[in-house]
Amino acid sequence: MGALDAVAGRVAGGATVTFRPTGSSMVPLIRSRQQVVVAPVDPSKVEAGDIVLARVAGTVYLHLVSSVDLARKRVQISNNRGRVNGWTGHDRVFGICVAVDGVARSGVAGKTLAADSDDASRA
């Protein structure tokens, strides 16, 4: 189980989690090791351009929603470099990124669910 799997489990359980993901696929929106805050989300409210924590084809990603299919209750997940990871159902969208390095992300109001705070950096 990878680090994002553990974070996904916490967020799916209702916690708002602060952690530092690694990788360059989301630059410049998120740089490697920047602190992010991910809160549980109502998947039916996510829109293209939101950054979500979701499982696609068995792998958990903190990536962009690139398309939404409300009728089939699914979203398409992509990185910020043009690679499409695939479609995933609402039941596999765990959370939404609400802040990066202490700066709130716009457009998340009304999309999060009530959550407890959890700091994954201590794990």
C-alpha atoms as a PDB file:
ATOM      1  CA  MET A   1       0.000   0.000   0.000  1.00  0.00           C
ATOM      2  CA  GLY A   2       1.431   3.376  -1.025  1.00  0.00           C
ATOM      3  CA  ALA A   3       1.425   6.651   0.867  1.00  0.00           C
ATOM      4  CA  LEU A   4      -1.557   8.000  -1.064  1.00  0.00           C
ATOM      5  CA  ASP A   5      -3.526   4.831  -0.304  1.00  0.00           C
ATOM      6  CA  ALA A   6      -3.158   5.560   3.411  1.00  0.00           C
ATOM      7  CA  VAL A   7      -4.209   9.189   2.913  1.00  0.00           C
ATOM      8  CA  ALA A   8      -7.195   8.067   0.808  1.00  0.00           C
ATOM      9  CA  GLY A   9      -8.279   5.762   3.626  1.00  0.00           C
ATOM     10  CA  ARG A  10      -8.207   8.604   6.140  1.00  0.00           C
ATOM     11  CA  VAL A  11     -10.069  11.001   3.848  1.00  0.00           C
ATOM     12  CA  ALA A  12     -12.649   8.318   2.961  1.00  0.00           C
ATOM     13  CA  GLY A  13     -13.127   7.885   6.707  1.00  0.00           C
ATOM     14  CA  GLY A  14     -14.070  11.550   7.056  1.00  0.00           C
ATOM     15  CA  ALA A  15     -10.761  13.207   7.975  1.00  0.00           C
ATOM     16  CA  THR A  16      -9.254  16.329   6.471  1.00  0.00           C
ATOM     17  CA  VAL A  17      -5.615  15.387   5.877  1.00  0.00           C
ATOM     18  CA  THR A  18      -2.494  17.548   5.522  1.00  0.00           C
ATOM     19  CA  PHE A  19       0.448  15.934   3.717  1.00  0.00           C
ATOM     20  CA  ARG A  20       3.303  16.532   1.261  1.00  0.00           C
ATOM     21  CA  PRO A  21       2.940  14.529  -1.976  1.00  0.00           C
ATOM     22  CA  THR A  22       5.933  13.881  -4.215  1.00  0.00           C
ATOM     23  CA  GLY A  23       6.190  14.047  -7.995  1.00  0.00           C
ATOM     24  CA  SER A  24       6.112  16.590 -10.790  1.00  0.00           C
ATOM     25  CA  SER A  25       2.949  15.685 -12.708  1.00  0.00           C
ATOM     26  CA  MET A  26       0.943  18.520 -11.169  1.00  0.00           C
ATOM     27  CA  VAL A  27       3.483  21.359 -11.550  1.00  0.00           C
ATOM     28  CA  PRO A  28       2.881  24.303 -11.335  1.00  0.00           C
ATOM     29  CA  LEU A  29      -0.368  23.737  -9.406  1.00  0.00           C
ATOM     30  CA  ILE A  30       1.372  21.486  -6.868  1.00  0.00           C
ATOM     31  CA  ARG A  31       5.135  21.064  -6.701  1.00  0.00           C
ATOM     32  CA  SER A  32       6.804  18.054  -5.146  1.00  0.00           C
ATOM     33  CA  ARG A  33       6.738  18.183  -1.321  1.00  0.00           C
ATOM     34  CA  GLN A  34       4.446  21.223  -1.112  1.00  0.00           C
ATOM     35  CA  GLN A  35       2.000  20.919   1.759  1.00  0.00           C
ATOM     36  CA  VAL A  36      -1.544  20.168   0.619  1.00  0.00           C
ATOM     37  CA  VAL A  37      -4.789  19.891   2.537  1.00  0.00           C
ATOM     38  CA  VAL A  38      -7.371  17.423   1.242  1.00  0.00           C
ATOM     39  CA  ALA A  39     -10.915  17.313   2.654  1.00  0.00           C
ATOM     40  CA  PRO A  40     -13.701  14.785   2.062  1.00  0.00           C
ATOM     41  CA  VAL A  41     -15.784  15.801  -0.941  1.00  0.00           C
ATOM     42  CA  ASP A  42     -19.259  15.348  -2.366  1.00  0.00           C
ATOM     43  CA  PRO A  43     -18.217  13.840  -5.739  1.00  0.00           C
ATOM     44  CA  SER A  44     -21.412  14.997  -7.422  1.00  0.00           C
ATOM     45  CA  LYS A  45     -20.229  18.594  -6.936  1.00  0.00           C
ATOM     46  CA  VAL A  46     -16.717  18.351  -8.409  1.00  0.00           C
ATOM     47  CA  GLU A  47     -16.006  20.213 -11.628  1.00  0.00           C
ATOM     48  CA  ALA A  48     -13.331  20.176 -14.291  1.00  0.00           C
ATOM     49  CA  GLY A  49     -10.288  21.943 -12.872  1.00  0.00           C
ATOM     50  CA  ASP A  50     -10.751  20.699  -9.304  1.00  0.00           C
ATOM     51  CA  ILE A  51      -7.854  18.738  -7.809  1.00  0.00           C
ATOM     52  CA  VAL A  52      -9.131  15.540  -6.222  1.00  0.00           C
ATOM     53  CA  LEU A  53      -7.772  12.493  -4.453  1.00  0.00           C
ATOM     54  CA  ALA A  54      -9.186   9.550  -6.393  1.00  0.00           C
ATOM     55  CA  ARG A  55      -8.516   5.931  -7.265  1.00  0.00           C
ATOM     56  CA  VAL A  56      -8.254   5.188 -10.992  1.00  0.00           C
ATOM     57  CA  ALA A  57      -7.574   1.640 -12.204  1.00  0.00           C
ATOM     58  CA  GLY A  58      -6.207   0.640  -8.793  1.00  0.00           C
ATOM     59  CA  THR A  59      -3.897   3.633  -8.250  1.00  0.00           C
ATOM     60  CA  VAL A  60      -4.600   6.643  -6.038  1.00  0.00           C
ATOM     61  CA  TYR A  61      -3.812  10.038  -7.583  1.00  0.00           C
ATOM     62  CA  LEU A  62      -3.963  13.651  -6.452  1.00  0.00           C
ATOM     63  CA  HIS A  63      -4.826  14.949  -9.917  1.00  0.00           C
ATOM     64  CA  LEU A  64      -7.150  17.197 -11.887  1.00  0.00           C
ATOM     65  CA  VAL A  65     -10.712  16.492 -12.826  1.00  0.00           C
ATOM     66  CA  SER A  66     -10.556  16.922 -16.601  1.00  0.00           C
ATOM     67  CA  SER A  67     -14.151  15.986 -17.407  1.00  0.00           C
ATOM     68  CA  VAL A  68     -17.386  15.187 -15.584  1.00  0.00           C
ATOM     69  CA  ASP A  69     -20.123  12.717 -16.562  1.00  0.00           C
ATOM     70  CA  LEU A  70     -22.951  13.337 -14.066  1.00  0.00           C
ATOM     71  CA  ALA A  71     -25.348  10.934 -15.785  1.00  0.00           C
ATOM     72  CA  ARG A  72     -22.947   8.005 -15.232  1.00  0.00           C
ATOM     73  CA  LYS A  73     -21.685   9.367 -11.874  1.00  0.00           C
ATOM     74  CA  ARG A  74     -18.042   9.449 -12.890  1.00  0.00           C
ATOM     75  CA  VAL A  75     -15.157  11.852 -13.481  1.00  0.00           C
ATOM     76  CA  GLN A  76     -12.114  11.771 -15.724  1.00  0.00           C
ATOM     77  CA  ILE A  77      -8.790  12.215 -13.923  1.00  0.00           C
ATOM     78  CA  SER A  78      -5.678  13.717 -15.562  1.00  0.00           C
ATOM     79  CA  ASN A  79      -2.353  15.157 -14.489  1.00  0.00           C
ATOM     80  CA  ASN A  80      -1.347  18.735 -15.299  1.00  0.00           C
ATOM     81  CA  ARG A  81       0.878  17.642 -18.184  1.00  0.00           C
ATOM     82  CA  GLY A  82      -1.797  16.294 -20.531  1.00  0.00           C
ATOM     83  CA  ARG A  83      -1.840  12.629 -19.458  1.00  0.00           C
ATOM     84  CA  VAL A  84      -5.315  11.217 -18.873  1.00  0.00           C
ATOM     85  CA  ASN A  85      -5.363   8.578 -16.139  1.00  0.00           C
ATOM     86  CA  GLY A  86      -8.925   7.495 -16.921  1.00  0.00           C
ATOM     87  CA  TRP A  87     -12.500   7.600 -15.709  1.00  0.00           C
ATOM     88  CA  THR A  88     -13.480   6.694 -12.165  1.00  0.00           C
ATOM     89  CA  GLY A  89     -16.783   6.434 -10.337  1.00  0.00           C
ATOM     90  CA  HIS A  90     -17.957   8.845  -7.679  1.00  0.00           C
ATOM     91  CA  ASP A  91     -17.404   6.114  -5.078  1.00  0.00           C
ATOM     92  CA  ARG A  92     -13.651   6.315  -5.754  1.00  0.00           C
ATOM     93  CA  VAL A  93     -13.352  10.103  -5.425  1.00  0.00           C
ATOM     94  CA  PHE A  94     -12.285  10.541  -1.798  1.00  0.00           C
ATOM     95  CA  GLY A  95     -11.400  14.196  -1.358  1.00  0.00           C
ATOM     96  CA  ILE A  96     -10.707  17.590  -2.843  1.00  0.00           C
ATOM     97  CA  CYS A  97      -7.583  19.700  -2.446  1.00  0.00           C
ATOM     98  CA  VAL A  98      -8.616  22.766  -0.463  1.00  0.00           C
ATOM     99  CA  ALA A  99      -5.178  24.380   0.028  1.00  0.00           C
ATOM    100  CA  VAL A 100      -1.594  24.256  -1.269  1.00  0.00           C
ATOM    101  CA  ASP A 101       1.167  25.628   0.972  1.00  0.00           C
ATOM    102  CA  GLY A 102      -1.394  27.485   3.062  1.00  0.00           C
ATOM    103  CA  VAL A 103      -3.101  29.141   0.086  1.00  0.00           C
ATOM    104  CA  ALA A 104      -6.766  28.221  -0.289  1.00  0.00           C
ATOM    105  CA  ARG A 105      -7.850  26.826  -3.655  1.00  0.00           C
ATOM    106  CA  SER A 106     -10.670  28.733  -5.263  1.00  0.00           C
ATOM    107  CA  GLY A 107     -13.867  26.977  -6.248  1.00  0.00           C
ATOM    108  CA  VAL A 108     -14.045  24.458  -3.401  1.00  0.00           C
ATOM    109  CA  ALA A 109     -16.752  26.179  -1.343  1.00  0.00           C
ATOM    110  CA  GLY A 110     -19.785  23.961  -0.927  1.00  0.00           C
ATOM    111  CA  LYS A 111     -18.027  20.848  -2.232  1.00  0.00           C
ATOM    112  CA  THR A 112     -16.511  19.505   0.981  1.00  0.00           C
ATOM    113  CA  LEU A 113     -18.185  17.330   3.564  1.00  0.00           C
ATOM    114  CA  ALA A 114     -17.875  17.880   7.316  1.00  0.00           C
ATOM    115  CA  ALA A 115     -14.552  16.429   8.413  1.00  0.00           C
ATOM    116  CA  ASP A 116     -12.187  15.997  11.311  1.00  0.00           C
ATOM    117  CA  SER A 117      -8.618  17.298  11.000  1.00  0.00           C
ATOM    118  CA  ASP A 118      -5.785  14.783  10.632  1.00  0.00           C
ATOM    119  CA  ASP A 119      -2.131  15.459   9.915  1.00  0.00           C
ATOM    120  CA  ALA A 120      -0.584  12.708   7.787  1.00  0.00           C
ATOM    121  CA  SER A 121       2.879  14.231   8.111  1.00  0.00           C
ATOM    122  CA  ARG A 122       3.206  12.564  11.503  1.00  0.00           C
ATOM    123  CA  ALA A 123       2.621   9.138   9.939  1.00  0.00           C
END
